[in-house]
């Protein structure tokens, strides 16, 4: 068995893996795909995606139904992200209303399922 970084020109080999549906949206300049191969077959894979991750997004219950707070928050979020040079933001939502707002952001919003874990190194 061999472990190697899969070069972007070979990312189409990820079809049939969990990354198969999303390899085309990976950033060829900064994302890294690690594969484990046996006899030229990918038997395991993962991707390393340097992204800005928002955490602790919250609105006081007193202000949650006020569109002005959401609008101002989204504007500030986009403004901050642009200043950082971010092309994408990742966040975990534990609130149905926040999730609904993010889903309404259009094609720029993708809902990822599954548990989000933090692995200490």
PDB file of N, CA and C in Angstrom:
ATOM      1  N   UNK A   1       0.832  -1.176   0.000  1.00  0.00           N
ATOM      2  CA  UNK A   1       0.000   0.000   0.000  1.00  0.00           C
ATOM      3  C   UNK A   1       0.876   1.240   0.000  1.00  0.00           C
ATOM      4  N   UNK A   2       0.419   2.237  -0.761  1.00  0.00           N
ATOM      5  CA  UNK A   2       1.183   3.474  -0.880  1.00  0.00           C
ATOM      6  C   UNK A   2       0.312   4.670  -0.510  1.00  0.00           C
ATOM      7  N   UNK A   3       0.908   5.607   0.194  1.00  0.00           N
ATOM      8  CA  UNK A   3       0.246   6.881   0.486  1.00  0.00           C
ATOM      9  C   UNK A   3       0.943   7.946  -0.346  1.00  0.00           C
ATOM     10  N   UNK A   4       0.139   8.806  -0.989  1.00  0.00           N
ATOM     11  CA  UNK A   4       0.741   9.891  -1.762  1.00  0.00           C
ATOM     12  C   UNK A   4      -0.233  11.047  -1.906  1.00  0.00           C
ATOM     13  N   UNK A   5       0.337  12.209  -2.198  1.00  0.00           N
ATOM     14  CA  UNK A   5      -0.463  13.379  -2.533  1.00  0.00           C
ATOM     15  C   UNK A   5      -0.882  13.209  -3.991  1.00  0.00           C
ATOM     16  N   UNK A   6      -2.178  13.263  -4.226  1.00  0.00           N
ATOM     17  CA  UNK A   6      -2.696  13.096  -5.576  1.00  0.00           C
ATOM     18  C   UNK A   6      -2.655  14.450  -6.290  1.00  0.00           C
ATOM     19  N   UNK A   7      -1.903  14.561  -7.392  1.00  0.00           N
ATOM     20  CA  UNK A   7      -1.836  15.845  -8.091  1.00  0.00           C
ATOM     21  C   UNK A   7      -3.191  16.212  -8.707  1.00  0.00           C
ATOM     22  N   UNK A   8      -3.491  17.502  -8.809  1.00  0.00           N
ATOM     23  CA  UNK A   8      -4.793  17.938  -9.340  1.00  0.00           C
ATOM     24  C   UNK A   8      -5.167  17.321 -10.689  1.00  0.00           C
ATOM     25  N   UNK A   9      -4.180  17.076 -11.535  1.00  0.00           N
ATOM     26  CA  UNK A   9      -4.502  16.488 -12.843  1.00  0.00           C
ATOM     27  C   UNK A   9      -5.010  15.044 -12.724  1.00  0.00           C
ATOM     28  N   UNK A  10      -4.901  14.452 -11.529  1.00  0.00           N
ATOM     29  CA  UNK A  10      -5.402  13.090 -11.315  1.00  0.00           C
ATOM     30  C   UNK A  10      -6.658  13.052 -10.434  1.00  0.00           C
ATOM     31  N   UNK A  11      -7.185  14.208 -10.056  1.00  0.00           N
ATOM     32  CA  UNK A  11      -8.331  14.252  -9.148  1.00  0.00           C
ATOM     33  C   UNK A  11      -9.559  13.544  -9.695  1.00  0.00           C
ATOM     34  N   UNK A  12      -9.676  13.391 -10.994  1.00  0.00           N
ATOM     35  CA  UNK A  12     -10.833  12.681 -11.550  1.00  0.00           C
ATOM     36  C   UNK A  12     -10.846  11.214 -11.096  1.00  0.00           C
ATOM     37  N   UNK A  13      -9.700  10.708 -10.658  1.00  0.00           N
ATOM     38  CA  UNK A  13      -9.629   9.337 -10.143  1.00  0.00           C
ATOM     39  C   UNK A  13     -10.424   9.174  -8.840  1.00  0.00           C
ATOM     40  N   UNK A  14     -10.856  10.302  -8.271  1.00  0.00           N
ATOM     41  CA  UNK A  14     -11.602  10.264  -7.016  1.00  0.00           C
ATOM     42  C   UNK A  14     -13.064   9.855  -7.208  1.00  0.00           C
ATOM     43  N   UNK A  15     -13.507   9.739  -8.463  1.00  0.00           N
ATOM     44  CA  UNK A  15     -14.879   9.284  -8.725  1.00  0.00           C
ATOM     45  C   UNK A  15     -15.081   7.950  -8.011  1.00  0.00           C
ATOM     46  N   UNK A  16     -16.219   7.815  -7.358  1.00  0.00           N
ATOM     47  CA  UNK A  16     -16.506   6.593  -6.614  1.00  0.00           C
ATOM     48  C   UNK A  16     -16.083   6.672  -5.150  1.00  0.00           C
ATOM     49  N   UNK A  17     -15.398   7.757  -4.769  1.00  0.00           N
ATOM     50  CA  UNK A  17     -15.028   7.971  -3.362  1.00  0.00           C
ATOM     51  C   UNK A  17     -15.932   9.061  -2.795  1.00  0.00           C
ATOM     52  N   UNK A  18     -15.792   9.349  -1.522  1.00  0.00           N
ATOM     53  CA  UNK A  18     -16.583  10.419  -0.906  1.00  0.00           C
ATOM     54  C   UNK A  18     -16.243  11.781  -1.527  1.00  0.00           C
ATOM     55  N   UNK A  19     -15.036  11.932  -2.038  1.00  0.00           N
ATOM     56  CA  UNK A  19     -14.645  13.182  -2.700  1.00  0.00           C
ATOM     57  C   UNK A  19     -15.064  13.216  -4.173  1.00  0.00           C
ATOM     58  N   UNK A  20     -15.602  12.108  -4.670  1.00  0.00           N
ATOM     59  CA  UNK A  20     -15.968  12.012  -6.074  1.00  0.00           C
ATOM     60  C   UNK A  20     -16.950  13.067  -6.541  1.00  0.00           C
ATOM     61  N   UNK A  21     -17.871  13.452  -5.677  1.00  0.00           N
ATOM     62  CA  UNK A  21     -18.890  14.429  -6.062  1.00  0.00           C
ATOM     63  C   UNK A  21     -18.398  15.865  -5.960  1.00  0.00           C
ATOM     64  N   UNK A  22     -17.258  16.085  -5.316  1.00  0.00           N
ATOM     65  CA  UNK A  22     -16.837  17.468  -5.080  1.00  0.00           C
ATOM     66  C   UNK A  22     -15.427  17.805  -5.559  1.00  0.00           C
ATOM     67  N   UNK A  23     -14.731  16.861  -6.165  1.00  0.00           N
ATOM     68  CA  UNK A  23     -13.334  17.136  -6.527  1.00  0.00           C
ATOM     69  C   UNK A  23     -13.208  18.308  -7.488  1.00  0.00           C
ATOM     70  N   UNK A  24     -14.209  18.540  -8.333  1.00  0.00           N
ATOM     71  CA  UNK A  24     -14.122  19.648  -9.284  1.00  0.00           C
ATOM     72  C   UNK A  24     -14.204  21.017  -8.606  1.00  0.00           C
ATOM     73  N   UNK A  25     -14.735  21.058  -7.402  1.00  0.00           N
ATOM     74  CA  UNK A  25     -14.831  22.341  -6.699  1.00  0.00           C
ATOM     75  C   UNK A  25     -13.618  22.606  -5.803  1.00  0.00           C
ATOM     76  N   UNK A  26     -12.682  21.673  -5.751  1.00  0.00           N
ATOM     77  CA  UNK A  26     -11.469  21.891  -4.966  1.00  0.00           C
ATOM     78  C   UNK A  26     -10.605  22.953  -5.637  1.00  0.00           C
ATOM     79  N   UNK A  27      -9.850  23.674  -4.836  1.00  0.00           N
ATOM     80  CA  UNK A  27      -8.961  24.718  -5.338  1.00  0.00           C
ATOM     81  C   UNK A  27      -7.606  24.099  -5.673  1.00  0.00           C
ATOM     82  N   UNK A  28      -7.283  24.065  -6.953  1.00  0.00           N
ATOM     83  CA  UNK A  28      -6.042  23.432  -7.426  1.00  0.00           C
ATOM     84  C   UNK A  28      -4.785  24.099  -6.863  1.00  0.00           C
ATOM     85  N   UNK A  29      -4.906  25.330  -6.424  1.00  0.00           N
ATOM     86  CA  UNK A  29      -3.738  26.076  -5.934  1.00  0.00           C
ATOM     87  C   UNK A  29      -3.412  25.769  -4.469  1.00  0.00           C
ATOM     88  N   UNK A  30      -4.444  25.490  -3.662  1.00  0.00           N
ATOM     89  CA  UNK A  30      -4.169  25.363  -2.222  1.00  0.00           C
ATOM     90  C   UNK A  30      -4.664  24.065  -1.587  1.00  0.00           C
ATOM     91  N   UNK A  31      -5.630  23.386  -2.196  1.00  0.00           N
ATOM     92  CA  UNK A  31      -6.161  22.165  -1.593  1.00  0.00           C
ATOM     93  C   UNK A  31      -5.240  20.979  -1.882  1.00  0.00           C
ATOM     94  N   UNK A  32      -5.211  20.060  -0.957  1.00  0.00           N
ATOM     95  CA  UNK A  32      -4.347  18.881  -1.081  1.00  0.00           C
ATOM     96  C   UNK A  32      -5.207  17.634  -0.904  1.00  0.00           C
ATOM     97  N   UNK A  33      -5.014  16.664  -1.770  1.00  0.00           N
ATOM     98  CA  UNK A  33      -5.726  15.382  -1.667  1.00  0.00           C
ATOM     99  C   UNK A  33      -4.699  14.300  -1.358  1.00  0.00           C
ATOM    100  N   UNK A  34      -4.940  13.590  -0.286  1.00  0.00           N
ATOM    101  CA  UNK A  34      -4.082  12.478   0.126  1.00  0.00           C
ATOM    102  C   UNK A  34      -4.822  11.185  -0.183  1.00  0.00           C
ATOM    103  N   UNK A  35      -4.144  10.266  -0.844  1.00  0.00           N
ATOM    104  CA  UNK A  35      -4.770   8.976  -1.161  1.00  0.00           C
ATOM    105  C   UNK A  35      -3.906   7.828  -0.658  1.00  0.00           C
ATOM    106  N   UNK A  36      -4.565   6.715  -0.376  1.00  0.00           N
ATOM    107  CA  UNK A  36      -3.898   5.447  -0.103  1.00  0.00           C
ATOM    108  C   UNK A  36      -4.280   4.552  -1.280  1.00  0.00           C
ATOM    109  N   UNK A  37      -3.274   3.957  -1.907  1.00  0.00           N
ATOM    110  CA  UNK A  37      -3.534   3.135  -3.089  1.00  0.00           C
ATOM    111  C   UNK A  37      -2.991   1.724  -2.887  1.00  0.00           C
ATOM    112  N   UNK A  38      -3.696   0.807  -3.493  1.00  0.00           N
ATOM    113  CA  UNK A  38      -3.261  -0.577  -3.553  1.00  0.00           C
ATOM    114  C   UNK A  38      -3.390  -0.990  -5.016  1.00  0.00           C
ATOM    115  N   UNK A  39      -2.269  -1.358  -5.637  1.00  0.00           N
ATOM    116  CA  UNK A  39      -2.279  -1.760  -7.050  1.00  0.00           C
ATOM    117  C   UNK A  39      -2.994  -0.725  -7.922  1.00  0.00           C
ATOM    118  N   UNK A  40      -2.633   0.550  -7.789  1.00  0.00           N
ATOM    119  CA  UNK A  40      -3.200   1.663  -8.568  1.00  0.00           C
ATOM    120  C   UNK A  40      -4.687   1.915  -8.313  1.00  0.00           C
ATOM    121  N   UNK A  41      -5.254   1.317  -7.272  1.00  0.00           N
ATOM    122  CA  UNK A  41      -6.650   1.582  -6.911  1.00  0.00           C
ATOM    123  C   UNK A  41      -6.662   2.439  -5.647  1.00  0.00           C
ATOM    124  N   UNK A  42      -7.460   3.504  -5.657  1.00  0.00           N
ATOM    125  CA  UNK A  42      -7.599   4.321  -4.449  1.00  0.00           C
ATOM    126  C   UNK A  42      -8.468   3.558  -3.463  1.00  0.00           C
ATOM    127  N   UNK A  43      -7.890   3.254  -2.289  1.00  0.00           N
ATOM    128  CA  UNK A  43      -8.627   2.508  -1.269  1.00  0.00           C
ATOM    129  C   UNK A  43      -9.011   3.396  -0.084  1.00  0.00           C
ATOM    130  N   UNK A  44      -8.450   4.605  -0.040  1.00  0.00           N
ATOM    131  CA  UNK A  44      -8.792   5.575   1.001  1.00  0.00           C
ATOM    132  C   UNK A  44      -8.338   6.950   0.516  1.00  0.00           C
ATOM    133  N   UNK A  45      -9.026   7.984   1.002  1.00  0.00           N
ATOM    134  CA  UNK A  45      -8.620   9.351   0.627  1.00  0.00           C
ATOM    135  C   UNK A  45      -9.132  10.347   1.652  1.00  0.00           C
ATOM    136  N   UNK A  46      -8.515  11.504   1.637  1.00  0.00           N
ATOM    137  CA  UNK A  46      -8.976  12.645   2.429  1.00  0.00           C
ATOM    138  C   UNK A  46      -8.456  13.899   1.752  1.00  0.00           C
ATOM    139  N   UNK A  47      -9.020  15.032   2.116  1.00  0.00           N
ATOM    140  CA  UNK A  47      -8.532  16.289   1.544  1.00  0.00           C
ATOM    141  C   UNK A  47      -8.219  17.266   2.658  1.00  0.00           C
ATOM    142  N   UNK A  48      -7.232  18.086   2.419  1.00  0.00           N
ATOM    143  CA  UNK A  48      -6.828  19.145   3.333  1.00  0.00           C
ATOM    144  C   UNK A  48      -7.225  20.453   2.670  1.00  0.00           C
ATOM    145  N   UNK A  49      -8.142  21.196   3.308  1.00  0.00           N
ATOM    146  CA  UNK A  49      -8.699  22.394   2.707  1.00  0.00           C
ATOM    147  C   UNK A  49      -8.480  23.595   3.629  1.00  0.00           C
ATOM    148  N   UNK A  50      -7.469  24.396   3.345  1.00  0.00           N
ATOM    149  CA  UNK A  50      -7.271  25.580   4.191  1.00  0.00           C
ATOM    150  C   UNK A  50      -8.397  26.575   3.937  1.00  0.00           C
ATOM    151  N   UNK A  51      -9.263  26.769   4.916  1.00  0.00           N
ATOM    152  CA  UNK A  51     -10.403  27.672   4.807  1.00  0.00           C
ATOM    153  C   UNK A  51     -10.544  28.460   6.102  1.00  0.00           C
ATOM    154  N   UNK A  52     -11.177  29.602   5.995  1.00  0.00           N
ATOM    155  CA  UNK A  52     -11.551  30.333   7.200  1.00  0.00           C
ATOM    156  C   UNK A  52     -12.793  29.667   7.765  1.00  0.00           C
ATOM    157  N   UNK A  53     -12.781  29.392   9.054  1.00  0.00           N
ATOM    158  CA  UNK A  53     -13.879  28.706   9.727  1.00  0.00           C
ATOM    159  C   UNK A  53     -14.491  29.659  10.745  1.00  0.00           C
ATOM    160  N   UNK A  54     -15.766  29.961  10.576  1.00  0.00           N
ATOM    161  CA  UNK A  54     -16.470  30.804  11.559  1.00  0.00           C
ATOM    162  C   UNK A  54     -17.024  29.889  12.647  1.00  0.00           C
ATOM    163  N   UNK A  55     -16.898  30.300  13.857  1.00  0.00           N
ATOM    164  CA  UNK A  55     -17.364  29.486  14.978  1.00  0.00           C
ATOM    165  C   UNK A  55     -18.067  30.398  15.973  1.00  0.00           C
ATOM    166  N   UNK A  56     -19.081  29.896  16.618  1.00  0.00           N
ATOM    167  CA  UNK A  56     -19.776  30.659  17.661  1.00  0.00           C
ATOM    168  C   UNK A  56     -20.721  31.717  17.113  1.00  0.00           C
ATOM    169  N   UNK A  57     -21.211  31.549  15.892  1.00  0.00           N
ATOM    170  CA  UNK A  57     -22.147  32.512  15.310  1.00  0.00           C
ATOM    171  C   UNK A  57     -23.435  32.483  16.132  1.00  0.00           C
ATOM    172  N   UNK A  58     -23.852  33.654  16.623  1.00  0.00           N
ATOM    173  CA  UNK A  58     -24.956  33.707  17.563  1.00  0.00           C
ATOM    174  C   UNK A  58     -25.640  35.056  17.469  1.00  0.00           C
ATOM    175  N   UNK A  59     -26.955  35.087  17.678  1.00  0.00           N
ATOM    176  CA  UNK A  59     -27.733  36.324  17.798  1.00  0.00           C
ATOM    177  C   UNK A  59     -28.564  36.199  19.063  1.00  0.00           C
ATOM    178  N   UNK A  60     -28.596  37.242  19.852  1.00  0.00           N
ATOM    179  CA  UNK A  60     -29.384  37.249  21.078  1.00  0.00           C
ATOM    180  C   UNK A  60     -30.843  36.916  20.768  1.00  0.00           C
ATOM    181  N   UNK A  61     -31.476  36.085  21.599  1.00  0.00           N
ATOM    182  CA  UNK A  61     -32.887  35.748  21.356  1.00  0.00           C
ATOM    183  C   UNK A  61     -33.766  36.985  21.202  1.00  0.00           C
ATOM    184  N   UNK A  62     -33.415  38.054  21.871  1.00  0.00           N
ATOM    185  CA  UNK A  62     -34.175  39.300  21.816  1.00  0.00           C
ATOM    186  C   UNK A  62     -34.139  39.937  20.414  1.00  0.00           C
ATOM    187  N   UNK A  63     -33.096  39.620  19.632  1.00  0.00           N
ATOM    188  CA  UNK A  63     -32.890  40.268  18.341  1.00  0.00           C
ATOM    189  C   UNK A  63     -33.015  39.321  17.146  1.00  0.00           C
ATOM    190  N   UNK A  64     -33.335  38.074  17.379  1.00  0.00           N
ATOM    191  CA  UNK A  64     -33.319  37.075  16.302  1.00  0.00           C
ATOM    192  C   UNK A  64     -34.342  37.324  15.201  1.00  0.00           C
ATOM    193  N   UNK A  65     -35.426  37.938  15.472  1.00  0.00           N
ATOM    194  CA  UNK A  65     -36.469  38.163  14.462  1.00  0.00           C
ATOM    195  C   UNK A  65     -36.315  39.524  13.786  1.00  0.00           C
ATOM    196  N   UNK A  66     -35.198  40.165  13.971  1.00  0.00           N
ATOM    197  CA  UNK A  66     -34.976  41.491  13.384  1.00  0.00           C
ATOM    198  C   UNK A  66     -34.083  41.385  12.148  1.00  0.00           C
ATOM    199  N   UNK A  67     -34.664  41.565  10.961  1.00  0.00           N
ATOM    200  CA  UNK A  67     -33.884  41.470   9.722  1.00  0.00           C
ATOM    201  C   UNK A  67     -32.683  42.416   9.691  1.00  0.00           C
ATOM    202  N   UNK A  68     -32.772  43.547  10.368  1.00  0.00           N
ATOM    203  CA  UNK A  68     -31.653  44.500  10.342  1.00  0.00           C
ATOM    204  C   UNK A  68     -30.396  43.900  10.977  1.00  0.00           C
ATOM    205  N   UNK A  69     -30.567  43.072  12.006  1.00  0.00           N
ATOM    206  CA  UNK A  69     -29.416  42.442  12.658  1.00  0.00           C
ATOM    207  C   UNK A  69     -28.791  41.423  11.711  1.00  0.00           C
ATOM    208  N   UNK A  70     -29.629  40.610  11.070  1.00  0.00           N
ATOM    209  CA  UNK A  70     -29.127  39.599  10.131  1.00  0.00           C
ATOM    210  C   UNK A  70     -28.432  40.284   8.962  1.00  0.00           C
ATOM    211  N   UNK A  71     -29.079  41.307   8.408  1.00  0.00           N
ATOM    212  CA  UNK A  71     -28.502  42.025   7.262  1.00  0.00           C
ATOM    213  C   UNK A  71     -27.154  42.639   7.632  1.00  0.00           C
ATOM    214  N   UNK A  72     -27.085  43.294   8.776  1.00  0.00           N
ATOM    215  CA  UNK A  72     -25.825  43.916   9.211  1.00  0.00           C
ATOM    216  C   UNK A  72     -24.764  42.859   9.476  1.00  0.00           C
ATOM    217  N   UNK A  73     -25.177  41.733  10.079  1.00  0.00           N
ATOM    218  CA  UNK A  73     -24.231  40.653  10.359  1.00  0.00           C
ATOM    219  C   UNK A  73     -23.665  40.045   9.080  1.00  0.00           C
ATOM    220  N   UNK A  74     -24.533  39.799   8.096  1.00  0.00           N
ATOM    221  CA  UNK A  74     -24.069  39.243   6.823  1.00  0.00           C
ATOM    222  C   UNK A  74     -23.138  40.214   6.110  1.00  0.00           C
ATOM    223  N   UNK A  75     -23.501  41.497   6.106  1.00  0.00           N
ATOM    224  CA  UNK A  75     -22.653  42.494   5.464  1.00  0.00           C
ATOM    225  C   UNK A  75     -21.267  42.505   6.118  1.00  0.00           C
ATOM    226  N   UNK A  76     -21.236  42.524   7.446  1.00  0.00           N
ATOM    227  CA  UNK A  76     -19.965  42.550   8.170  1.00  0.00           C
ATOM    228  C   UNK A  76     -19.159  41.273   7.931  1.00  0.00           C
ATOM    229  N   UNK A  77     -19.869  40.123   7.838  1.00  0.00           N
ATOM    230  CA  UNK A  77     -19.206  38.847   7.582  1.00  0.00           C
ATOM    231  C   UNK A  77     -18.513  38.877   6.216  1.00  0.00           C
ATOM    232  N   UNK A  78     -19.264  39.303   5.179  1.00  0.00           N
ATOM    233  CA  UNK A  78     -18.680  39.374   3.832  1.00  0.00           C
ATOM    234  C   UNK A  78     -17.534  40.388   3.770  1.00  0.00           C
ATOM    235  N   UNK A  79     -17.710  41.515   4.434  1.00  0.00           N
ATOM    236  CA  UNK A  79     -16.670  42.552   4.456  1.00  0.00           C
ATOM    237  C   UNK A  79     -15.390  42.023   5.106  1.00  0.00           C
ATOM    238  N   UNK A  80     -15.520  41.344   6.221  1.00  0.00           N
ATOM    239  CA  UNK A  80     -14.367  40.778   6.923  1.00  0.00           C
ATOM    240  C   UNK A  80     -13.705  39.688   6.083  1.00  0.00           C
ATOM    241  N   UNK A  81     -14.523  38.820   5.489  1.00  0.00           N
ATOM    242  CA  UNK A  81     -13.986  37.736   4.658  1.00  0.00           C
ATOM    243  C   UNK A  81     -13.197  38.290   3.471  1.00  0.00           C
ATOM    244  N   UNK A  82     -13.731  39.310   2.816  1.00  0.00           N
ATOM    245  CA  UNK A  82     -13.007  39.923   1.686  1.00  0.00           C
ATOM    246  C   UNK A  82     -11.680  40.530   2.146  1.00  0.00           C
ATOM    247  N   UNK A  83     -11.690  41.188   3.306  1.00  0.00           N
ATOM    248  CA  UNK A  83     -10.463  41.783   3.835  1.00  0.00           C
ATOM    249  C   UNK A  83      -9.412  40.709   4.130  1.00  0.00           C
ATOM    250  N   UNK A  84      -9.859  39.519   4.509  1.00  0.00           N
ATOM    251  CA  UNK A  84      -8.948  38.410   4.788  1.00  0.00           C
ATOM    252  C   UNK A  84      -8.482  37.704   3.519  1.00  0.00           C
ATOM    253  N   UNK A  85      -9.147  38.010   2.402  1.00  0.00           N
ATOM    254  CA  UNK A  85      -8.824  37.333   1.155  1.00  0.00           C
ATOM    255  C   UNK A  85      -9.485  35.966   1.052  1.00  0.00           C
ATOM    256  N   UNK A  86     -10.486  35.720   1.887  1.00  0.00           N
ATOM    257  CA  UNK A  86     -11.170  34.424   1.892  1.00  0.00           C
ATOM    258  C   UNK A  86     -12.037  34.268   0.655  1.00  0.00           C
ATOM    259  N   UNK A  87     -12.036  33.061   0.105  1.00  0.00           N
ATOM    260  CA  UNK A  87     -12.905  32.738  -1.024  1.00  0.00           C
ATOM    261  C   UNK A  87     -14.113  31.937  -0.553  1.00  0.00           C
ATOM    262  N   UNK A  88     -14.039  31.434   0.672  1.00  0.00           N
ATOM    263  CA  UNK A  88     -15.085  30.572   1.202  1.00  0.00           C
ATOM    264  C   UNK A  88     -15.018  30.618   2.722  1.00  0.00           C
ATOM    265  N   UNK A  89     -16.165  30.491   3.368  1.00  0.00           N
ATOM    266  CA  UNK A  89     -16.230  30.414   4.819  1.00  0.00           C
ATOM    267  C   UNK A  89     -16.921  29.109   5.194  1.00  0.00           C
ATOM    268  N   UNK A  90     -16.440  28.467   6.225  1.00  0.00           N
ATOM    269  CA  UNK A  90     -17.039  27.242   6.746  1.00  0.00           C
ATOM    270  C   UNK A  90     -17.576  27.562   8.134  1.00  0.00           C
ATOM    271  N   UNK A  91     -18.758  27.061   8.435  1.00  0.00           N
ATOM    272  CA  UNK A  91     -19.305  27.260   9.778  1.00  0.00           C
ATOM    273  C   UNK A  91     -20.158  26.062  10.164  1.00  0.00           C
ATOM    274  N   UNK A  92     -20.303  25.858  11.443  1.00  0.00           N
ATOM    275  CA  UNK A  92     -21.192  24.845  11.978  1.00  0.00           C
ATOM    276  C   UNK A  92     -22.386  25.589  12.556  1.00  0.00           C
ATOM    277  N   UNK A  93     -23.577  25.152  12.215  1.00  0.00           N
ATOM    278  CA  UNK A  93     -24.779  25.767  12.759  1.00  0.00           C
ATOM    279  C   UNK A  93     -25.479  24.776  13.673  1.00  0.00           C
ATOM    280  N   UNK A  94     -25.843  25.232  14.850  1.00  0.00           N
ATOM    281  CA  UNK A  94     -26.593  24.392  15.775  1.00  0.00           C
ATOM    282  C   UNK A  94     -27.998  24.956  15.975  1.00  0.00           C
ATOM    283  N   UNK A  95     -28.348  25.940  15.154  1.00  0.00           N
ATOM    284  CA  UNK A  95     -29.630  26.624  15.266  1.00  0.00           C
ATOM    285  C   UNK A  95     -30.353  26.552  13.924  1.00  0.00           C
ATOM    286  N   UNK A  96     -31.580  26.066  13.939  1.00  0.00           N
ATOM    287  CA  UNK A  96     -32.343  25.907  12.695  1.00  0.00           C
ATOM    288  C   UNK A  96     -32.532  27.225  11.948  1.00  0.00           C
ATOM    289  N   UNK A  97     -32.717  28.329  12.683  1.00  0.00           N
ATOM    290  CA  UNK A  97     -32.914  29.621  12.032  1.00  0.00           C
ATOM    291  C   UNK A  97     -31.640  30.089  11.320  1.00  0.00           C
ATOM    292  N   UNK A  98     -30.490  29.902  11.950  1.00  0.00           N
ATOM    293  CA  UNK A  98     -29.218  30.274  11.324  1.00  0.00           C
ATOM    294  C   UNK A  98     -28.991  29.409  10.085  1.00  0.00           C
ATOM    295  N   UNK A  99     -29.286  28.126  10.191  1.00  0.00           N
ATOM    296  CA  UNK A  99     -29.144  27.228   9.046  1.00  0.00           C
ATOM    297  C   UNK A  99     -30.031  27.692   7.899  1.00  0.00           C
ATOM    298  N   UNK A 100     -31.270  28.062   8.199  1.00  0.00           N
ATOM    299  CA  UNK A 100     -32.204  28.528   7.167  1.00  0.00           C
ATOM    300  C   UNK A 100     -31.691  29.799   6.490  1.00  0.00           C
ATOM    301  N   UNK A 101     -31.142  30.705   7.263  1.00  0.00           N
ATOM    302  CA  UNK A 101     -30.585  31.941   6.690  1.00  0.00           C
ATOM    303  C   UNK A 101     -29.437  31.600   5.743  1.00  0.00           C
ATOM    304  N   UNK A 102     -28.548  30.727   6.174  1.00  0.00           N
ATOM    305  CA  UNK A 102     -27.404  30.352   5.340  1.00  0.00           C
ATOM    306  C   UNK A 102     -27.844  29.643   4.064  1.00  0.00           C
ATOM    307  N   UNK A 103     -28.855  28.813   4.167  1.00  0.00           N
ATOM    308  CA  UNK A 103     -29.350  28.119   2.970  1.00  0.00           C
ATOM    309  C   UNK A 103     -29.930  29.102   1.959  1.00  0.00           C
ATOM    310  N   UNK A 104     -30.461  30.216   2.418  1.00  0.00           N
ATOM    311  CA  UNK A 104     -31.039  31.216   1.510  1.00  0.00           C
ATOM    312  C   UNK A 104     -29.968  32.058   0.811  1.00  0.00           C
ATOM    313  N   UNK A 105     -28.718  31.840   1.132  1.00  0.00           N
ATOM    314  CA  UNK A 105     -27.658  32.626   0.504  1.00  0.00           C
ATOM    315  C   UNK A 105     -27.419  32.202  -0.942  1.00  0.00           C
ATOM    316  N   UNK A 106     -28.122  31.199  -1.405  1.00  0.00           N
ATOM    317  CA  UNK A 106     -28.022  30.784  -2.806  1.00  0.00           C
ATOM    318  C   UNK A 106     -26.960  29.738  -3.034  1.00  0.00           C
ATOM    319  N   UNK A 107     -26.482  29.690  -4.283  1.00  0.00           N
ATOM    320  CA  UNK A 107     -25.535  28.639  -4.667  1.00  0.00           C
ATOM    321  C   UNK A 107     -24.224  28.725  -3.906  1.00  0.00           C
ATOM    322  N   UNK A 108     -23.971  29.887  -3.281  1.00  0.00           N
ATOM    323  CA  UNK A 108     -22.732  30.013  -2.531  1.00  0.00           C
ATOM    324  C   UNK A 108     -22.796  29.280  -1.200  1.00  0.00           C
ATOM    325  N   UNK A 109     -23.982  28.793  -0.839  1.00  0.00           N
ATOM    326  CA  UNK A 109     -24.132  28.107   0.432  1.00  0.00           C
ATOM    327  C   UNK A 109     -24.353  26.615   0.199  1.00  0.00           C
ATOM    328  N   UNK A 110     -23.498  25.802   0.771  1.00  0.00           N
ATOM    329  CA  UNK A 110     -23.613  24.350   0.652  1.00  0.00           C
ATOM    330  C   UNK A 110     -23.750  23.790   2.059  1.00  0.00           C
ATOM    331  N   UNK A 111     -24.777  23.014   2.292  1.00  0.00           N
ATOM    332  CA  UNK A 111     -24.974  22.408   3.599  1.00  0.00           C
ATOM    333  C   UNK A 111     -24.262  21.063   3.629  1.00  0.00           C
ATOM    334  N   UNK A 112     -23.316  20.922   4.535  1.00  0.00           N
ATOM    335  CA  UNK A 112     -22.569  19.671   4.667  1.00  0.00           C
ATOM    336  C   UNK A 112     -23.168  18.873   5.814  1.00  0.00           C
ATOM    337  N   UNK A 113     -23.378  17.613   5.587  1.00  0.00           N
ATOM    338  CA  UNK A 113     -23.939  16.778   6.641  1.00  0.00           C
ATOM    339  C   UNK A 113     -22.809  16.050   7.370  1.00  0.00           C
ATOM    340  N   UNK A 114     -23.127  15.521   8.517  1.00  0.00           N
ATOM    341  CA  UNK A 114     -22.138  14.756   9.268  1.00  0.00           C
ATOM    342  C   UNK A 114     -21.676  15.508  10.504  1.00  0.00           C
ATOM    343  N   UNK A 115     -20.953  14.819  11.326  1.00  0.00           N
ATOM    344  CA  UNK A 115     -20.406  15.427  12.551  1.00  0.00           C
ATOM    345  C   UNK A 115     -19.142  16.189  12.208  1.00  0.00           C
ATOM    346  N   UNK A 116     -18.963  17.332  12.822  1.00  0.00           N
ATOM    347  CA  UNK A 116     -17.729  18.103  12.658  1.00  0.00           C
ATOM    348  C   UNK A 116     -16.862  17.854  13.879  1.00  0.00           C
ATOM    349  N   UNK A 117     -15.627  17.468  13.660  1.00  0.00           N
ATOM    350  CA  UNK A 117     -14.741  17.095  14.752  1.00  0.00           C
ATOM    351  C   UNK A 117     -13.485  17.957  14.728  1.00  0.00           C
ATOM    352  N   UNK A 118     -12.906  18.154  15.878  1.00  0.00           N
ATOM    353  CA  UNK A 118     -11.629  18.838  15.983  1.00  0.00           C
ATOM    354  C   UNK A 118     -10.611  17.820  16.484  1.00  0.00           C
ATOM    355  N   UNK A 119      -9.553  17.622  15.702  1.00  0.00           N
ATOM    356  CA  UNK A 119      -8.529  16.636  16.053  1.00  0.00           C
ATOM    357  C   UNK A 119      -7.258  17.377  16.481  1.00  0.00           C
ATOM    358  N   UNK A 120      -6.875  17.223  17.736  1.00  0.00           N
ATOM    359  CA  UNK A 120      -5.669  17.869  18.231  1.00  0.00           C
ATOM    360  C   UNK A 120      -4.440  17.172  17.668  1.00  0.00           C
ATOM    361  N   UNK A 121      -3.426  17.948  17.314  1.00  0.00           N
ATOM    362  CA  UNK A 121      -2.206  17.374  16.748  1.00  0.00           C
ATOM    363  C   UNK A 121      -1.064  17.424  17.715  1.00  0.00           C
TER     364      UNK A 121
END
